[in-house]
């Protein structure tokens, strides 16, 4: 996973909102590529109802890979992104198998 400063992720997502969507898209691509998580296409995040399913599947994949509860990310928005990015930064650079939850 790409190393990003969790504080910058939080601030940009909280202030701009659009960075939060960008962050979800790029981390989704990385999670699907390195951990084969099966998160739906990014455009699902733009369509009502599908966006809730997308977010649930995204945060469930984050839980599978990092061990962080999906509820935290799903309900806390930029705070969940901050916490998830901190976990992503501690993942091995090579990827590999997902950690057991």
N, C-alpha and C. Protein backbone atom coordinates (compact mmCIF):
# COMPACT_ATOMS: atom_id res chain seq x y z
N UNK A 1 0.84 -1.18 0.00
CA UNK A 1 0.00 0.00 0.00
C UNK A 1 0.89 1.24 0.00
N UNK A 2 0.42 2.26 -0.67
CA UNK A 2 1.16 3.52 -0.74
C UNK A 2 1.19 4.18 0.63
N UNK A 3 2.37 4.66 1.01
CA UNK A 3 2.51 5.37 2.28
C UNK A 3 1.98 6.79 2.13
N UNK A 4 1.03 7.15 2.99
CA UNK A 4 0.48 8.50 3.02
C UNK A 4 0.45 8.95 4.47
N UNK A 5 0.54 10.25 4.68
CA UNK A 5 0.46 10.79 6.02
C UNK A 5 -1.01 10.77 6.46
N UNK A 6 -1.35 10.02 7.53
CA UNK A 6 -2.75 9.94 7.96
C UNK A 6 -3.35 11.29 8.33
N UNK A 7 -2.56 12.20 8.86
CA UNK A 7 -3.07 13.52 9.22
C UNK A 7 -3.48 14.29 7.97
N UNK A 8 -2.67 14.21 6.93
CA UNK A 8 -2.99 14.88 5.67
C UNK A 8 -4.25 14.26 5.06
N UNK A 9 -4.36 12.93 5.11
CA UNK A 9 -5.55 12.25 4.60
C UNK A 9 -6.79 12.77 5.33
N UNK A 10 -6.71 12.83 6.66
CA UNK A 10 -7.85 13.32 7.46
C UNK A 10 -8.21 14.76 7.09
N UNK A 11 -7.20 15.64 7.07
CA UNK A 11 -7.48 17.05 6.82
C UNK A 11 -8.06 17.28 5.42
N UNK A 12 -7.45 16.68 4.42
CA UNK A 12 -7.95 16.86 3.05
C UNK A 12 -9.35 16.28 2.87
N UNK A 13 -9.60 15.12 3.48
CA UNK A 13 -10.94 14.52 3.37
C UNK A 13 -11.98 15.36 4.10
N UNK A 14 -11.63 15.88 5.27
CA UNK A 14 -12.57 16.67 6.06
C UNK A 14 -12.84 18.03 5.42
N UNK A 15 -11.80 18.64 4.85
CA UNK A 15 -11.94 20.00 4.31
C UNK A 15 -12.54 19.98 2.91
N UNK A 16 -12.03 19.11 2.04
CA UNK A 16 -12.47 19.15 0.65
C UNK A 16 -13.62 18.19 0.34
N UNK A 17 -13.66 17.07 1.02
CA UNK A 17 -14.67 16.05 0.72
C UNK A 17 -14.33 15.25 -0.52
N UNK A 18 -13.93 15.91 -1.58
CA UNK A 18 -13.61 15.22 -2.84
C UNK A 18 -12.34 14.37 -2.67
N UNK A 19 -11.43 14.79 -1.80
CA UNK A 19 -10.23 13.98 -1.57
C UNK A 19 -10.62 12.65 -0.93
N UNK A 20 -11.65 12.66 -0.11
CA UNK A 20 -12.11 11.41 0.49
C UNK A 20 -12.53 10.40 -0.57
N UNK A 21 -13.22 10.87 -1.59
CA UNK A 21 -13.61 9.99 -2.70
C UNK A 21 -12.38 9.52 -3.46
N UNK A 22 -11.44 10.42 -3.72
CA UNK A 22 -10.19 10.05 -4.40
C UNK A 22 -9.46 8.99 -3.59
N UNK A 23 -9.34 9.20 -2.29
CA UNK A 23 -8.64 8.26 -1.42
C UNK A 23 -9.31 6.89 -1.46
N UNK A 24 -10.63 6.86 -1.40
CA UNK A 24 -11.35 5.59 -1.49
C UNK A 24 -11.05 4.87 -2.80
N UNK A 25 -11.00 5.62 -3.91
CA UNK A 25 -10.75 5.02 -5.22
C UNK A 25 -9.35 4.43 -5.30
N UNK A 26 -8.33 5.20 -4.91
CA UNK A 26 -6.96 4.71 -5.06
C UNK A 26 -6.66 3.58 -4.08
N UNK A 27 -7.19 3.66 -2.86
CA UNK A 27 -6.94 2.57 -1.92
C UNK A 27 -7.75 1.33 -2.30
N UNK A 28 -8.92 1.52 -2.90
CA UNK A 28 -9.69 0.40 -3.42
C UNK A 28 -8.88 -0.35 -4.48
N UNK A 29 -8.29 0.41 -5.40
CA UNK A 29 -7.48 -0.20 -6.45
C UNK A 29 -6.31 -0.98 -5.84
N UNK A 30 -5.65 -0.40 -4.83
CA UNK A 30 -4.51 -1.07 -4.20
C UNK A 30 -4.96 -2.32 -3.45
N UNK A 31 -6.08 -2.24 -2.73
CA UNK A 31 -6.58 -3.41 -2.00
C UNK A 31 -6.96 -4.53 -2.96
N UNK A 32 -7.62 -4.19 -4.06
CA UNK A 32 -8.00 -5.21 -5.03
C UNK A 32 -6.77 -5.83 -5.70
N UNK A 33 -5.76 -5.01 -6.00
CA UNK A 33 -4.57 -5.51 -6.69
C UNK A 33 -3.71 -6.38 -5.77
N UNK A 34 -3.49 -5.94 -4.54
CA UNK A 34 -2.55 -6.64 -3.66
C UNK A 34 -3.19 -7.73 -2.82
N UNK A 35 -4.46 -7.58 -2.48
CA UNK A 35 -5.10 -8.52 -1.56
C UNK A 35 -6.32 -9.21 -2.15
N UNK A 36 -6.64 -8.93 -3.41
CA UNK A 36 -7.75 -9.57 -4.10
C UNK A 36 -9.03 -9.53 -3.26
N UNK A 37 -9.43 -8.33 -2.85
CA UNK A 37 -10.55 -8.16 -1.94
C UNK A 37 -11.91 -8.15 -2.62
N UNK A 38 -11.97 -7.92 -3.91
CA UNK A 38 -13.24 -7.94 -4.63
C UNK A 38 -14.15 -6.76 -4.34
N UNK A 39 -13.58 -5.60 -4.04
CA UNK A 39 -14.39 -4.40 -3.82
C UNK A 39 -14.97 -3.98 -5.17
N UNK A 40 -16.26 -3.61 -5.21
CA UNK A 40 -16.90 -3.24 -6.49
C UNK A 40 -16.22 -2.05 -7.17
N UNK A 41 -16.56 -1.79 -8.44
CA UNK A 41 -15.98 -0.65 -9.17
C UNK A 41 -16.23 0.67 -8.44
N UNK A 42 -15.32 1.61 -8.63
CA UNK A 42 -15.37 2.89 -7.91
C UNK A 42 -16.63 3.67 -8.21
N UNK A 43 -17.18 3.54 -9.42
CA UNK A 43 -18.34 4.35 -9.78
C UNK A 43 -19.57 3.98 -8.96
N UNK A 44 -19.56 2.84 -8.29
CA UNK A 44 -20.66 2.48 -7.40
C UNK A 44 -20.76 3.48 -6.25
N UNK A 45 -19.65 4.13 -5.91
CA UNK A 45 -19.65 5.11 -4.82
C UNK A 45 -20.43 6.37 -5.18
N UNK A 46 -20.74 6.56 -6.44
CA UNK A 46 -21.44 7.77 -6.90
C UNK A 46 -22.94 7.60 -7.02
N UNK A 47 -23.44 6.37 -6.95
CA UNK A 47 -24.86 6.10 -7.19
C UNK A 47 -25.56 5.79 -5.87
N UNK A 48 -26.65 6.52 -5.58
CA UNK A 48 -27.38 6.25 -4.33
C UNK A 48 -27.75 4.77 -4.20
N UNK A 49 -27.75 4.29 -3.00
CA UNK A 49 -27.97 2.91 -2.59
C UNK A 49 -26.75 2.05 -2.91
N UNK A 50 -26.27 2.09 -4.16
CA UNK A 50 -25.05 1.36 -4.48
C UNK A 50 -23.88 1.89 -3.66
N UNK A 51 -23.89 3.19 -3.34
CA UNK A 51 -22.78 3.74 -2.57
C UNK A 51 -22.73 3.14 -1.17
N UNK A 52 -23.87 2.84 -0.59
CA UNK A 52 -23.86 2.19 0.73
C UNK A 52 -23.29 0.78 0.66
N UNK A 53 -23.64 0.07 -0.41
CA UNK A 53 -23.10 -1.28 -0.61
C UNK A 53 -21.60 -1.20 -0.86
N UNK A 54 -21.19 -0.23 -1.70
CA UNK A 54 -19.76 -0.04 -1.97
C UNK A 54 -19.00 0.22 -0.67
N UNK A 55 -19.51 1.15 0.14
CA UNK A 55 -18.82 1.49 1.39
C UNK A 55 -18.78 0.31 2.35
N UNK A 56 -19.84 -0.44 2.44
CA UNK A 56 -19.84 -1.63 3.30
C UNK A 56 -18.78 -2.63 2.83
N UNK A 57 -18.75 -2.90 1.53
CA UNK A 57 -17.77 -3.86 1.01
C UNK A 57 -16.35 -3.34 1.13
N UNK A 58 -16.18 -2.02 0.92
CA UNK A 58 -14.85 -1.42 1.06
C UNK A 58 -14.34 -1.59 2.49
N UNK A 59 -15.16 -1.16 3.46
CA UNK A 59 -14.71 -1.21 4.86
C UNK A 59 -14.62 -2.64 5.38
N UNK A 60 -15.41 -3.56 4.84
CA UNK A 60 -15.26 -4.97 5.20
C UNK A 60 -13.92 -5.51 4.71
N UNK A 61 -13.52 -5.08 3.51
CA UNK A 61 -12.21 -5.49 2.99
C UNK A 61 -11.08 -4.89 3.83
N UNK A 62 -11.25 -3.64 4.26
CA UNK A 62 -10.25 -3.02 5.13
C UNK A 62 -10.14 -3.82 6.43
N UNK A 63 -11.27 -4.26 6.96
CA UNK A 63 -11.25 -5.07 8.18
C UNK A 63 -10.51 -6.37 7.96
N UNK A 64 -10.75 -7.01 6.81
CA UNK A 64 -10.10 -8.28 6.51
C UNK A 64 -8.58 -8.11 6.41
N UNK A 65 -8.14 -7.00 5.81
CA UNK A 65 -6.71 -6.78 5.58
C UNK A 65 -5.99 -6.24 6.82
N UNK A 66 -6.64 -5.32 7.55
CA UNK A 66 -5.95 -4.65 8.66
C UNK A 66 -6.40 -5.08 10.04
N UNK A 67 -7.60 -5.64 10.15
CA UNK A 67 -8.13 -6.00 11.46
C UNK A 67 -8.94 -4.87 12.10
N UNK A 68 -9.00 -3.71 11.44
CA UNK A 68 -9.77 -2.58 11.97
C UNK A 68 -11.26 -2.83 11.71
N UNK A 69 -12.10 -2.60 12.71
CA UNK A 69 -13.52 -2.84 12.56
C UNK A 69 -14.11 -2.02 11.41
N UNK A 70 -14.94 -2.65 10.59
CA UNK A 70 -15.54 -1.96 9.44
C UNK A 70 -16.48 -0.85 9.89
N UNK A 71 -17.07 -0.99 11.08
CA UNK A 71 -18.02 0.00 11.58
C UNK A 71 -17.33 1.35 11.78
N UNK A 72 -16.08 1.32 12.24
CA UNK A 72 -15.33 2.57 12.47
C UNK A 72 -15.23 3.37 11.18
N UNK A 73 -14.78 2.75 10.12
CA UNK A 73 -14.63 3.45 8.85
C UNK A 73 -15.96 3.85 8.25
N UNK A 74 -16.92 2.96 8.32
CA UNK A 74 -18.22 3.21 7.71
C UNK A 74 -18.93 4.39 8.36
N UNK A 75 -18.83 4.51 9.68
CA UNK A 75 -19.58 5.54 10.39
C UNK A 75 -18.81 6.84 10.64
N UNK A 76 -17.48 6.78 10.66
CA UNK A 76 -16.71 7.95 11.07
C UNK A 76 -16.06 8.74 9.95
N UNK A 77 -16.25 8.35 8.71
CA UNK A 77 -15.75 9.13 7.57
C UNK A 77 -14.27 9.45 7.64
N UNK A 78 -13.90 10.73 7.67
CA UNK A 78 -12.49 11.11 7.67
C UNK A 78 -11.68 10.55 8.85
N UNK A 79 -12.32 10.35 10.00
CA UNK A 79 -11.61 9.75 11.13
C UNK A 79 -11.29 8.29 10.81
N UNK A 80 -12.23 7.59 10.19
CA UNK A 80 -11.98 6.22 9.77
C UNK A 80 -10.89 6.14 8.72
N UNK A 81 -10.85 7.13 7.82
CA UNK A 81 -9.79 7.17 6.82
C UNK A 81 -8.43 7.37 7.48
N UNK A 82 -8.39 8.27 8.47
CA UNK A 82 -7.16 8.51 9.23
C UNK A 82 -6.67 7.21 9.87
N UNK A 83 -7.56 6.50 10.55
CA UNK A 83 -7.18 5.26 11.22
C UNK A 83 -6.77 4.17 10.22
N UNK A 84 -7.53 4.06 9.12
CA UNK A 84 -7.21 3.05 8.12
C UNK A 84 -5.86 3.33 7.46
N UNK A 85 -5.59 4.60 7.16
CA UNK A 85 -4.31 4.93 6.53
C UNK A 85 -3.14 4.59 7.44
N UNK A 86 -3.31 4.80 8.73
CA UNK A 86 -2.28 4.40 9.68
C UNK A 86 -2.04 2.90 9.64
N UNK A 87 -3.11 2.13 9.53
CA UNK A 87 -2.99 0.66 9.41
C UNK A 87 -2.36 0.28 8.07
N UNK A 88 -2.78 0.96 6.98
CA UNK A 88 -2.20 0.67 5.67
C UNK A 88 -0.70 0.91 5.68
N UNK A 89 -0.27 1.98 6.35
CA UNK A 89 1.15 2.30 6.40
C UNK A 89 1.96 1.22 7.11
N UNK A 90 1.33 0.47 8.00
CA UNK A 90 2.06 -0.57 8.73
C UNK A 90 2.02 -1.93 8.04
N UNK A 91 1.28 -2.03 6.91
CA UNK A 91 1.24 -3.29 6.17
C UNK A 91 2.57 -3.53 5.47
N UNK A 92 2.92 -4.81 5.28
CA UNK A 92 4.14 -5.09 4.51
C UNK A 92 4.06 -4.53 3.10
N UNK A 93 5.16 -4.03 2.60
CA UNK A 93 5.20 -3.37 1.29
C UNK A 93 4.88 -4.33 0.15
N UNK A 94 5.20 -5.60 0.31
CA UNK A 94 5.04 -6.57 -0.77
C UNK A 94 3.62 -7.07 -0.92
N UNK A 95 2.74 -6.77 -0.01
CA UNK A 95 1.37 -7.28 -0.10
C UNK A 95 1.30 -8.67 0.48
N UNK A 96 0.75 -9.59 -0.28
CA UNK A 96 0.67 -10.97 0.20
C UNK A 96 -0.72 -11.28 0.71
N UNK A 97 -0.79 -12.29 1.54
CA UNK A 97 -2.09 -12.73 2.06
C UNK A 97 -2.61 -11.75 3.10
N UNK A 98 -3.91 -11.64 3.15
CA UNK A 98 -4.55 -10.75 4.14
C UNK A 98 -4.42 -11.38 5.52
N UNK A 99 -4.33 -10.50 6.51
CA UNK A 99 -4.29 -10.97 7.89
C UNK A 99 -5.65 -11.52 8.28
N UNK A 100 -5.62 -12.49 9.18
CA UNK A 100 -6.88 -13.02 9.71
C UNK A 100 -7.47 -12.01 10.69
N UNK A 101 -8.77 -11.81 10.61
CA UNK A 101 -9.41 -10.82 11.48
C UNK A 101 -9.61 -11.36 12.87
